[in-house]
Amino acid sequence: MLTGDLRSRIDRVWDAFWSGGISNPLEVIEQITYLMFIRRLDGIQTGKERRANRAGRPIEHPIYTDANQELRWSRFKALGSPEATFELMRDQVFPWLRELGDEGSTYSHHMAGAQFRIPTANLLAKVIDMLDDLPLDERDTKGDLYEYMLGKIATAGHNGQFRTPRHIIELMVEMTAPVPGDTICDPACGTAGFLVASAAYVERTHSDDLLDPATRQHFDQSMFSGFDFDNTMLRIGSMNMLLHEVEQPDIRYRDSLAQSAASEPFPATICEVG
């Protein structure tokens, strides 16, 4: 449950975007998600560095290399010049973000369309300062922040975009009790909340099984499928899954209610509908 202080902070971020000229609620959420994602990538890299230092080994699967350390959140937020940060974000961070992910992955496919739409250096600096204090390392809080932001979409319900409340998602996951050998599909995945909750459940209840390389590969690459017909939602859902350390989920464009999709089988043993 979000505290009043966290709600107030999100409201201030939202107001900053609106006063800065971005009035489309879904675009606001997309831009906030990009920034939260970039900050979280820096946190994941820091964790990898700490583990490598303790083990005395090279960093395993680093997100950042020696050649692009300046693209890390902790680096560009300390530049001290809003204009320099703005230019770095526009000219280097977002082009790098569009190429992040394994070649051919659904993440790299959707992120190829990621656009930096924050119009001014001052707005970017203000939003970076606001987001820097949010507790994004806490999974539950991060999920609550997403739910609160999605609740602010005045157009919710258009094109069938209805949010499933988080406690209902968690109940569904608990009742289906997925195991590492399952394949899970959400045919209207939106921001991938059901898939994220399923991944968290499997990690919590079957952590020892995920130590097996073959099982982990299935978890990262073929366990989770999600479909949507909104490209913005596909990008947000892909980022959400990668933030929760599912490396290559199958998140792709499809209208699951279209007649043309009727003959296509869902690649799943567990499926959320509604």
C-alpha atoms as a PDB file:
ATOM      1  CA  MET A   1       0.000   0.000   0.000  1.00  0.00           C
ATOM      2  CA  LEU A   2       1.360   3.389  -1.001  1.00  0.00           C
ATOM      3  CA  THR A   3       1.799   5.995   1.693  1.00  0.00           C
ATOM      4  CA  GLY A   4       0.350   9.459   1.311  1.00  0.00           C
ATOM      5  CA  ASP A   5       3.862  10.806   0.813  1.00  0.00           C
ATOM      6  CA  LEU A   6       4.555   8.512  -2.153  1.00  0.00           C
ATOM      7  CA  ARG A   7       1.206   9.362  -3.736  1.00  0.00           C
ATOM      8  CA  SER A   8       2.016  13.032  -3.332  1.00  0.00           C
ATOM      9  CA  ARG A   9       5.405  12.564  -4.989  1.00  0.00           C
ATOM     10  CA  ILE A  10       3.862  10.791  -7.983  1.00  0.00           C
ATOM     11  CA  ASP A  11       1.249  13.543  -8.223  1.00  0.00           C
ATOM     12  CA  ARG A  12       4.020  16.151  -8.362  1.00  0.00           C
ATOM     13  CA  VAL A  13       5.811  14.236 -11.125  1.00  0.00           C
ATOM     14  CA  TRP A  14       2.536  13.999 -13.039  1.00  0.00           C
ATOM     15  CA  ASP A  15       1.823  17.712 -12.581  1.00  0.00           C
ATOM     16  CA  ALA A  16       5.332  18.558 -13.797  1.00  0.00           C
ATOM     17  CA  PHE A  17       4.681  16.741 -17.077  1.00  0.00           C
ATOM     18  CA  TRP A  18       1.321  18.412 -17.557  1.00  0.00           C
ATOM     19  CA  SER A  19       2.691  21.870 -16.860  1.00  0.00           C
ATOM     20  CA  GLY A  20       5.633  21.049 -19.155  1.00  0.00           C
ATOM     21  CA  GLY A  21       3.341  20.445 -22.113  1.00  0.00           C
ATOM     22  CA  ILE A  22       2.717  16.658 -22.096  1.00  0.00           C
ATOM     23  CA  SER A  23      -1.012  16.201 -21.513  1.00  0.00           C
ATOM     24  CA  ASN A  24      -1.661  12.714 -22.921  1.00  0.00           C
ATOM     25  CA  PRO A  25      -1.883  10.477 -19.806  1.00  0.00           C
ATOM     26  CA  LEU A  26      -0.534   7.396 -21.577  1.00  0.00           C
ATOM     27  CA  GLU A  27       2.410   9.375 -22.943  1.00  0.00           C
ATOM     28  CA  VAL A  28       3.133  10.693 -19.447  1.00  0.00           C
ATOM     29  CA  ILE A  29       3.200   7.139 -18.090  1.00  0.00           C
ATOM     30  CA  GLU A  30       5.406   5.975 -20.970  1.00  0.00           C
ATOM     31  CA  GLN A  31       7.986   8.711 -20.372  1.00  0.00           C
ATOM     32  CA  ILE A  32       7.947   8.136 -16.595  1.00  0.00           C
ATOM     33  CA  THR A  33       8.371   4.408 -17.218  1.00  0.00           C
ATOM     34  CA  TYR A  34      11.397   4.987 -19.449  1.00  0.00           C
ATOM     35  CA  LEU A  35      13.068   7.052 -16.734  1.00  0.00           C
ATOM     36  CA  MET A  36      12.187   4.574 -13.970  1.00  0.00           C
ATOM     37  CA  PHE A  37      13.513   1.803 -16.205  1.00  0.00           C
ATOM     38  CA  ILE A  38      16.800   3.620 -16.866  1.00  0.00           C
ATOM     39  CA  ARG A  39      17.251   4.238 -13.151  1.00  0.00           C
ATOM     40  CA  ARG A  40      16.503   0.604 -12.347  1.00  0.00           C
ATOM     41  CA  LEU A  41      19.020  -0.600 -14.946  1.00  0.00           C
ATOM     42  CA  ASP A  42      21.709   1.331 -13.064  1.00  0.00           C
ATOM     43  CA  GLY A  43      20.605  -0.364  -9.843  1.00  0.00           C
ATOM     44  CA  ILE A  44      20.756  -3.813 -11.438  1.00  0.00           C
ATOM     45  CA  GLN A  45      24.253  -3.071 -12.757  1.00  0.00           C
ATOM     46  CA  THR A  46      25.352  -1.948  -9.278  1.00  0.00           C
ATOM     47  CA  GLY A  47      24.108  -5.254  -7.850  1.00  0.00           C
ATOM     48  CA  LYS A  48      26.022  -7.201 -10.496  1.00  0.00           C
ATOM     49  CA  GLU A  49      29.178  -5.227  -9.678  1.00  0.00           C
ATOM     50  CA  ARG A  50      28.863  -5.953  -5.968  1.00  0.00           C
ATOM     51  CA  ARG A  51      28.390  -9.674  -6.559  1.00  0.00           C
ATOM     52  CA  ALA A  52      31.357  -9.759  -8.925  1.00  0.00           C
ATOM     53  CA  ASN A  53      33.562  -7.928  -6.399  1.00  0.00           C
ATOM     54  CA  ARG A  54      32.618 -10.335  -3.608  1.00  0.00           C
ATOM     55  CA  ALA A  55      33.308 -13.354  -5.796  1.00  0.00           C
ATOM     56  CA  GLY A  56      36.458 -11.904  -7.333  1.00  0.00           C
ATOM     57  CA  ARG A  57      35.139 -12.591 -10.839  1.00  0.00           C
ATOM     58  CA  PRO A  58      34.252 -10.466 -13.882  1.00  0.00           C
ATOM     59  CA  ILE A  59      30.741  -9.019 -14.028  1.00  0.00           C
ATOM     60  CA  GLU A  60      28.300 -11.549 -15.450  1.00  0.00           C
ATOM     61  CA  HIS A  61      26.175 -10.186 -18.317  1.00  0.00           C
ATOM     62  CA  PRO A  62      26.891  -6.496 -17.629  1.00  0.00           C
ATOM     63  CA  ILE A  63      24.294  -3.957 -18.727  1.00  0.00           C
ATOM     64  CA  TYR A  64      26.881  -1.190 -19.051  1.00  0.00           C
ATOM     65  CA  THR A  65      30.434  -1.556 -20.329  1.00  0.00           C
ATOM     66  CA  ASP A  66      33.478   0.636 -19.790  1.00  0.00           C
ATOM     67  CA  ALA A  67      32.574   2.451 -23.005  1.00  0.00           C
ATOM     68  CA  ASN A  68      29.127   3.658 -21.939  1.00  0.00           C
ATOM     69  CA  GLN A  69      29.332   4.313 -18.199  1.00  0.00           C
ATOM     70  CA  GLU A  70      28.194   7.900 -18.793  1.00  0.00           C
ATOM     71  CA  LEU A  71      24.745   6.564 -19.754  1.00  0.00           C
ATOM     72  CA  ARG A  72      24.050   5.368 -16.211  1.00  0.00           C
ATOM     73  CA  TRP A  73      21.453   7.196 -14.135  1.00  0.00           C
ATOM     74  CA  SER A  74      23.936   7.827 -11.322  1.00  0.00           C
ATOM     75  CA  ARG A  75      26.327   9.477 -13.773  1.00  0.00           C
ATOM     76  CA  PHE A  76      24.097  11.769 -15.808  1.00  0.00           C
ATOM     77  CA  LYS A  77      22.005  12.923 -12.847  1.00  0.00           C
ATOM     78  CA  ALA A  78      25.233  14.338 -11.345  1.00  0.00           C
ATOM     79  CA  LEU A  79      26.270  16.306 -14.427  1.00  0.00           C
ATOM     80  CA  GLY A  80      25.032  19.538 -12.879  1.00  0.00           C
ATOM     81  CA  SER A  81      23.875  20.968 -16.217  1.00  0.00           C
ATOM     82  CA  PRO A  82      20.244  20.395 -17.288  1.00  0.00           C
ATOM     83  CA  GLU A  83      21.188  21.128 -20.891  1.00  0.00           C
ATOM     84  CA  ALA A  84      24.040  18.584 -20.885  1.00  0.00           C
ATOM     85  CA  THR A  85      21.779  15.939 -19.322  1.00  0.00           C
ATOM     86  CA  PHE A  86      19.048  16.664 -21.871  1.00  0.00           C
ATOM     87  CA  GLU A  87      21.441  16.311 -24.807  1.00  0.00           C
ATOM     88  CA  LEU A  88      22.909  13.090 -23.395  1.00  0.00           C
ATOM     89  CA  MET A  89      19.438  11.608 -22.880  1.00  0.00           C
ATOM     90  CA  ARG A  90      18.260  12.591 -26.348  1.00  0.00           C
ATOM     91  CA  ASP A  91      21.395  11.780 -28.337  1.00  0.00           C
ATOM     92  CA  GLN A  92      22.907   8.820 -26.474  1.00  0.00           C
ATOM     93  CA  VAL A  93      20.741   7.243 -23.747  1.00  0.00           C
ATOM     94  CA  PHE A  94      17.622   6.707 -25.856  1.00  0.00           C
ATOM     95  CA  PRO A  95      19.465   5.428 -28.951  1.00  0.00           C
ATOM     96  CA  TRP A  96      21.251   2.962 -26.632  1.00  0.00           C
ATOM     97  CA  LEU A  97      17.942   2.042 -24.986  1.00  0.00           C
ATOM     98  CA  ARG A  98      16.412   1.233 -28.385  1.00  0.00           C
ATOM     99  CA  GLU A  99      19.204  -1.270 -29.021  1.00  0.00           C
ATOM    100  CA  LEU A 100      19.185  -2.849 -25.563  1.00  0.00           C
ATOM    101  CA  GLY A 101      18.225  -6.508 -25.396  1.00  0.00           C
ATOM    102  CA  ASP A 102      19.210  -9.578 -27.364  1.00  0.00           C
ATOM    103  CA  GLU A 103      18.875  -9.352 -31.127  1.00  0.00           C
ATOM    104  CA  GLY A 104      15.522 -10.692 -32.224  1.00  0.00           C
ATOM    105  CA  SER A 105      13.964 -10.510 -28.745  1.00  0.00           C
ATOM    106  CA  THR A 106      10.475  -9.072 -28.354  1.00  0.00           C
ATOM    107  CA  TYR A 107      11.951  -6.415 -26.074  1.00  0.00           C
ATOM    108  CA  SER A 108      14.353  -5.150 -28.737  1.00  0.00           C
ATOM    109  CA  HIS A 109      11.522  -5.203 -31.282  1.00  0.00           C
ATOM    110  CA  HIS A 110       9.174  -3.025 -29.221  1.00  0.00           C
ATOM    111  CA  MET A 111      11.845  -0.711 -27.871  1.00  0.00           C
ATOM    112  CA  ALA A 112      12.936   0.131 -31.418  1.00  0.00           C
ATOM    113  CA  GLY A 113      10.009   2.572 -31.360  1.00  0.00           C
ATOM    114  CA  ALA A 114      10.890   4.216 -28.040  1.00  0.00           C
ATOM    115  CA  GLN A 115      10.865   7.995 -28.357  1.00  0.00           C
ATOM    116  CA  PHE A 116      12.211  10.650 -25.998  1.00  0.00           C
ATOM    117  CA  ARG A 117       9.404  13.219 -25.827  1.00  0.00           C
ATOM    118  CA  ILE A 118      10.309  15.364 -22.815  1.00  0.00           C
ATOM    119  CA  PRO A 119      10.397  18.806 -24.437  1.00  0.00           C
ATOM    120  CA  THR A 120      12.785  20.826 -22.252  1.00  0.00           C
ATOM    121  CA  ALA A 121      15.964  20.418 -20.231  1.00  0.00           C
ATOM    122  CA  ASN A 122      14.360  22.007 -17.171  1.00  0.00           C
ATOM    123  CA  LEU A 123      11.446  19.540 -17.178  1.00  0.00           C
ATOM    124  CA  LEU A 124      13.835  16.593 -17.515  1.00  0.00           C
ATOM    125  CA  ALA A 125      15.981  17.859 -14.633  1.00  0.00           C
ATOM    126  CA  LYS A 126      12.917  18.350 -12.442  1.00  0.00           C
ATOM    127  CA  VAL A 127      11.538  14.871 -13.156  1.00  0.00           C
ATOM    128  CA  ILE A 128      14.925  13.189 -12.605  1.00  0.00           C
ATOM    129  CA  ASP A 129      15.175  14.840  -9.185  1.00  0.00           C
ATOM    130  CA  MET A 130      11.646  13.730  -8.291  1.00  0.00           C
ATOM    131  CA  LEU A 131      12.112  10.126  -9.424  1.00  0.00           C
ATOM    132  CA  ASP A 132      15.524   9.757  -7.816  1.00  0.00           C
ATOM    133  CA  ASP A 133      14.006   9.489  -4.332  1.00  0.00           C
ATOM    134  CA  LEU A 134      11.360   6.891  -5.164  1.00  0.00           C
ATOM    135  CA  PRO A 135      11.995   3.401  -3.638  1.00  0.00           C
ATOM    136  CA  LEU A 136      12.173   1.515  -6.942  1.00  0.00           C
ATOM    137  CA  ASP A 137      14.298  -1.280  -5.473  1.00  0.00           C
ATOM    138  CA  GLU A 138      11.283  -2.503  -3.499  1.00  0.00           C
ATOM    139  CA  ARG A 139       9.215  -4.773  -5.737  1.00  0.00           C
ATOM    140  CA  ASP A 140       5.893  -4.294  -3.942  1.00  0.00           C
ATOM    141  CA  THR A 141       6.272  -0.526  -3.834  1.00  0.00           C
ATOM    142  CA  LYS A 142       7.221  -0.443  -7.505  1.00  0.00           C
ATOM    143  CA  GLY A 143       4.076  -2.416  -8.358  1.00  0.00           C
ATOM    144  CA  ASP A 144       1.940  -0.092  -6.259  1.00  0.00           C
ATOM    145  CA  LEU A 145       3.473   2.928  -8.001  1.00  0.00           C
ATOM    146  CA  TYR A 146       2.537   1.462 -11.371  1.00  0.00           C
ATOM    147  CA  GLU A 147      -1.000   0.766 -10.253  1.00  0.00           C
ATOM    148  CA  TYR A 148      -1.390   4.294  -8.927  1.00  0.00           C
ATOM    149  CA  MET A 149      -0.082   5.828 -12.152  1.00  0.00           C
ATOM    150  CA  LEU A 150      -2.343   3.648 -14.296  1.00  0.00           C
ATOM    151  CA  GLY A 151      -5.283   4.704 -12.155  1.00  0.00           C
ATOM    152  CA  LYS A 152      -4.667   8.276 -13.268  1.00  0.00           C
ATOM    153  CA  ILE A 153      -5.385   7.512 -16.921  1.00  0.00           C
ATOM    154  CA  ALA A 154      -8.597   9.396 -17.596  1.00  0.00           C
ATOM    155  CA  THR A 155      -9.111   7.394 -20.797  1.00  0.00           C
ATOM    156  CA  ALA A 156      -8.989   4.000 -19.058  1.00  0.00           C
ATOM    157  CA  GLY A 157     -11.560   1.745 -20.687  1.00  0.00           C
ATOM    158  CA  HIS A 158     -11.032   2.988 -24.247  1.00  0.00           C
ATOM    159  CA  ASN A 159     -10.136   0.212 -26.679  1.00  0.00           C
ATOM    160  CA  GLY A 160     -10.909  -2.339 -23.972  1.00  0.00           C
ATOM    161  CA  GLN A 161      -8.063  -1.170 -21.731  1.00  0.00           C
ATOM    162  CA  PHE A 162      -9.474  -2.038 -18.311  1.00  0.00           C
ATOM    163  CA  ARG A 163      -7.050  -2.649 -15.491  1.00  0.00           C
ATOM    164  CA  THR A 164      -7.364  -5.746 -13.361  1.00  0.00           C
ATOM    165  CA  PRO A 165      -6.918  -4.659  -9.704  1.00  0.00           C
ATOM    166  CA  ARG A 166      -3.688  -5.903  -8.224  1.00  0.00           C
ATOM    167  CA  HIS A 167      -5.314  -7.893  -5.416  1.00  0.00           C
ATOM    168  CA  ILE A 168      -7.406  -9.750  -8.015  1.00  0.00           C
ATOM    169  CA  ILE A 169      -4.270 -10.544 -10.022  1.00  0.00           C
ATOM    170  CA  GLU A 170      -2.557 -11.894  -6.904  1.00  0.00           C
ATOM    171  CA  LEU A 171      -5.628 -14.009  -6.056  1.00  0.00           C
ATOM    172  CA  MET A 172      -5.681 -15.474  -9.574  1.00  0.00           C
ATOM    173  CA  VAL A 173      -1.988 -16.334  -9.369  1.00  0.00           C
ATOM    174  CA  GLU A 174      -2.366 -17.923  -5.944  1.00  0.00           C
ATOM    175  CA  MET A 175      -5.303 -20.024  -7.175  1.00  0.00           C
ATOM    176  CA  THR A 176      -3.552 -21.216 -10.335  1.00  0.00           C
ATOM    177  CA  ALA A 177      -0.287 -21.819  -8.412  1.00  0.00           C
ATOM    178  CA  PRO A 178       2.069 -21.848 -11.424  1.00  0.00           C
ATOM    179  CA  VAL A 179       5.163 -24.045 -11.338  1.00  0.00           C
ATOM    180  CA  PRO A 180       8.438 -23.681 -13.287  1.00  0.00           C
ATOM    181  CA  GLY A 181       7.377 -26.155 -15.990  1.00  0.00           C
ATOM    182  CA  ASP A 182       4.249 -24.207 -16.927  1.00  0.00           C
ATOM    183  CA  THR A 183       3.791 -21.811 -19.810  1.00  0.00           C
ATOM    184  CA  ILE A 184       1.721 -18.754 -18.934  1.00  0.00           C
ATOM    185  CA  CYS A 185      -0.201 -16.527 -21.330  1.00  0.00           C
ATOM    186  CA  ASP A 186      -2.081 -13.261 -20.879  1.00  0.00           C
ATOM    187  CA  PRO A 187      -3.973 -12.514 -24.131  1.00  0.00           C
ATOM    188  CA  ALA A 188      -4.607  -8.885 -23.104  1.00  0.00           C
ATOM    189  CA  CYS A 189      -1.462  -8.202 -21.113  1.00  0.00           C
ATOM    190  CA  GLY A 190      -1.376  -4.389 -20.946  1.00  0.00           C
ATOM    191  CA  THR A 191       1.521  -3.542 -18.633  1.00  0.00           C
ATOM    192  CA  ALA A 192       2.139  -7.280 -17.972  1.00  0.00           C
ATOM    193  CA  GLY A 193       0.911  -7.147 -14.367  1.00  0.00           C
ATOM    194  CA  PHE A 194      -0.383 -10.738 -14.434  1.00  0.00           C
ATOM    195  CA  LEU A 195       2.866 -12.039 -15.921  1.00  0.00           C
ATOM    196  CA  VAL A 196       4.967 -10.097 -13.405  1.00  0.00           C
ATOM    197  CA  ALA A 197       2.903 -11.435 -10.511  1.00  0.00           C
ATOM    198  CA  SER A 198       3.222 -14.985 -11.887  1.00  0.00           C
ATOM    199  CA  ALA A 199       6.988 -14.626 -12.206  1.00  0.00           C
ATOM    200  CA  ALA A 200       7.231 -13.305  -8.655  1.00  0.00           C
ATOM    201  CA  TYR A 201       5.145 -16.236  -7.375  1.00  0.00           C
ATOM    202  CA  VAL A 202       7.335 -18.824  -9.118  1.00  0.00           C
ATOM    203  CA  GLU A 203      10.512 -17.155  -7.845  1.00  0.00           C
ATOM    204  CA  ARG A 204       9.112 -17.089  -4.315  1.00  0.00           C
ATOM    205  CA  THR A 205       7.769 -20.646  -4.194  1.00  0.00           C
ATOM    206  CA  HIS A 206      10.244 -22.495  -6.426  1.00  0.00           C
ATOM    207  CA  SER A 207      13.514 -20.612  -6.008  1.00  0.00           C
ATOM    208  CA  ASP A 208      15.560 -23.828  -5.738  1.00  0.00           C
ATOM    209  CA  ASP A 209      14.137 -25.181  -9.016  1.00  0.00           C
ATOM    210  CA  LEU A 210      15.225 -22.007 -10.823  1.00  0.00           C
ATOM    211  CA  LEU A 211      18.851 -22.771 -10.003  1.00  0.00           C
ATOM    212  CA  ASP A 212      18.716 -25.490 -12.681  1.00  0.00           C
ATOM    213  CA  PRO A 213      20.064 -23.942 -15.938  1.00  0.00           C
ATOM    214  CA  ALA A 214      17.421 -25.502 -18.193  1.00  0.00           C
ATOM    215  CA  THR A 215      14.588 -24.455 -15.891  1.00  0.00           C
ATOM    216  CA  ARG A 216      15.973 -20.931 -15.642  1.00  0.00           C
ATOM    217  CA  GLN A 217      16.253 -20.709 -19.420  1.00  0.00           C
ATOM    218  CA  HIS A 218      12.581 -21.700 -19.735  1.00  0.00           C
ATOM    219  CA  PHE A 219      11.675 -19.065 -17.111  1.00  0.00           C
ATOM    220  CA  ASP A 220      13.628 -16.334 -18.930  1.00  0.00           C
ATOM    221  CA  GLN A 221      12.731 -17.141 -22.529  1.00  0.00           C
ATOM    222  CA  SER A 222       9.608 -19.263 -23.016  1.00  0.00           C
ATOM    223  CA  MET A 223       7.495 -19.372 -19.859  1.00  0.00           C
ATOM    224  CA  PHE A 224       5.691 -16.032 -20.287  1.00  0.00           C
ATOM    225  CA  SER A 225       3.648 -14.855 -23.267  1.00  0.00           C
ATOM    226  CA  GLY A 226       1.606 -11.680 -23.489  1.00  0.00           C
ATOM    227  CA  PHE A 227      -0.409 -10.079 -26.289  1.00  0.00           C
ATOM    228  CA  ASP A 228      -1.818  -6.598 -26.781  1.00  0.00           C
ATOM    229  CA  PHE A 229      -2.809  -4.336 -29.679  1.00  0.00           C
ATOM    230  CA  ASP A 230      -1.412  -1.134 -28.168  1.00  0.00           C
ATOM    231  CA  ASN A 231       2.266  -0.579 -29.009  1.00  0.00           C
ATOM    232  CA  THR A 232       2.780   1.709 -26.019  1.00  0.00           C
ATOM    233  CA  MET A 233       1.484  -0.996 -23.684  1.00  0.00           C
ATOM    234  CA  LEU A 234       3.761  -3.525 -25.378  1.00  0.00           C
ATOM    235  CA  ARG A 235       6.785  -1.330 -24.669  1.00  0.00           C
ATOM    236  CA  ILE A 236       5.742  -0.726 -21.069  1.00  0.00           C
ATOM    237  CA  GLY A 237       4.993  -4.421 -20.544  1.00  0.00           C
ATOM    238  CA  SER A 238       8.357  -5.454 -22.001  1.00  0.00           C
ATOM    239  CA  MET A 239      10.185  -2.985 -19.738  1.00  0.00           C
ATOM    240  CA  ASN A 240       8.183  -4.156 -16.741  1.00  0.00           C
ATOM    241  CA  MET A 241       9.155  -7.792 -17.356  1.00  0.00           C
ATOM    242  CA  LEU A 242      12.831  -6.965 -17.862  1.00  0.00           C
ATOM    243  CA  LEU A 243      12.799  -4.865 -14.700  1.00  0.00           C
ATOM    244  CA  HIS A 244      11.565  -7.952 -12.875  1.00  0.00           C
ATOM    245  CA  GLU A 245      14.474  -9.919 -14.363  1.00  0.00           C
ATOM    246  CA  VAL A 246      12.577 -11.985 -16.912  1.00  0.00           C
ATOM    247  CA  GLU A 247      15.043 -11.640 -19.763  1.00  0.00           C
ATOM    248  CA  GLN A 248      13.121 -12.571 -22.932  1.00  0.00           C
ATOM    249  CA  PRO A 249       9.338 -12.748 -22.440  1.00  0.00           C
ATOM    250  CA  ASP A 250       7.202 -13.221 -25.533  1.00  0.00           C
ATOM    251  CA  ILE A 251       5.353  -9.879 -25.481  1.00  0.00           C
ATOM    252  CA  ARG A 252       3.957  -9.125 -28.928  1.00  0.00           C
ATOM    253  CA  TYR A 253       1.297  -7.390 -30.967  1.00  0.00           C
ATOM    254  CA  ARG A 254      -1.938  -9.309 -31.391  1.00  0.00           C
ATOM    255  CA  ASP A 255      -5.644  -8.591 -31.116  1.00  0.00           C
ATOM    256  CA  SER A 256      -6.720 -11.691 -29.248  1.00  0.00           C
ATOM    257  CA  LEU A 257     -10.417 -11.033 -29.974  1.00  0.00           C
ATOM    258  CA  ALA A 258      -9.982 -10.677 -33.724  1.00  0.00           C
ATOM    259  CA  GLN A 259     -11.504 -13.351 -35.932  1.00  0.00           C
ATOM    260  CA  SER A 260      -8.145 -13.812 -37.651  1.00  0.00           C
ATOM    261  CA  ALA A 261      -6.640 -14.948 -34.353  1.00  0.00           C
ATOM    262  CA  ALA A 262      -9.326 -17.521 -33.637  1.00  0.00           C
ATOM    263  CA  SER A 263      -7.432 -20.362 -35.276  1.00  0.00           C
ATOM    264  CA  GLU A 264      -4.126 -19.534 -33.553  1.00  0.00           C
ATOM    265  CA  PRO A 265      -3.499 -21.596 -30.405  1.00  0.00           C
ATOM    266  CA  PHE A 266      -2.453 -19.805 -27.244  1.00  0.00           C
ATOM    267  CA  PRO A 267       1.007 -21.080 -26.241  1.00  0.00           C
ATOM    268  CA  ALA A 268      -0.060 -21.619 -22.670  1.00  0.00           C
ATOM    269  CA  THR A 269      -1.194 -23.990 -19.993  1.00  0.00           C
ATOM    270  CA  ILE A 270      -2.317 -21.146 -17.722  1.00  0.00           C
ATOM    271  CA  CYS A 271      -4.179 -18.220 -19.217  1.00  0.00           C
ATOM    272  CA  GLU A 272      -5.660 -15.011 -17.822  1.00  0.00           C
ATOM    273  CA  VAL A 273      -8.789 -13.773 -19.582  1.00  0.00           C
ATOM    274  CA  GLY A 274     -10.576 -10.557 -18.674  1.00  0.00           C
END
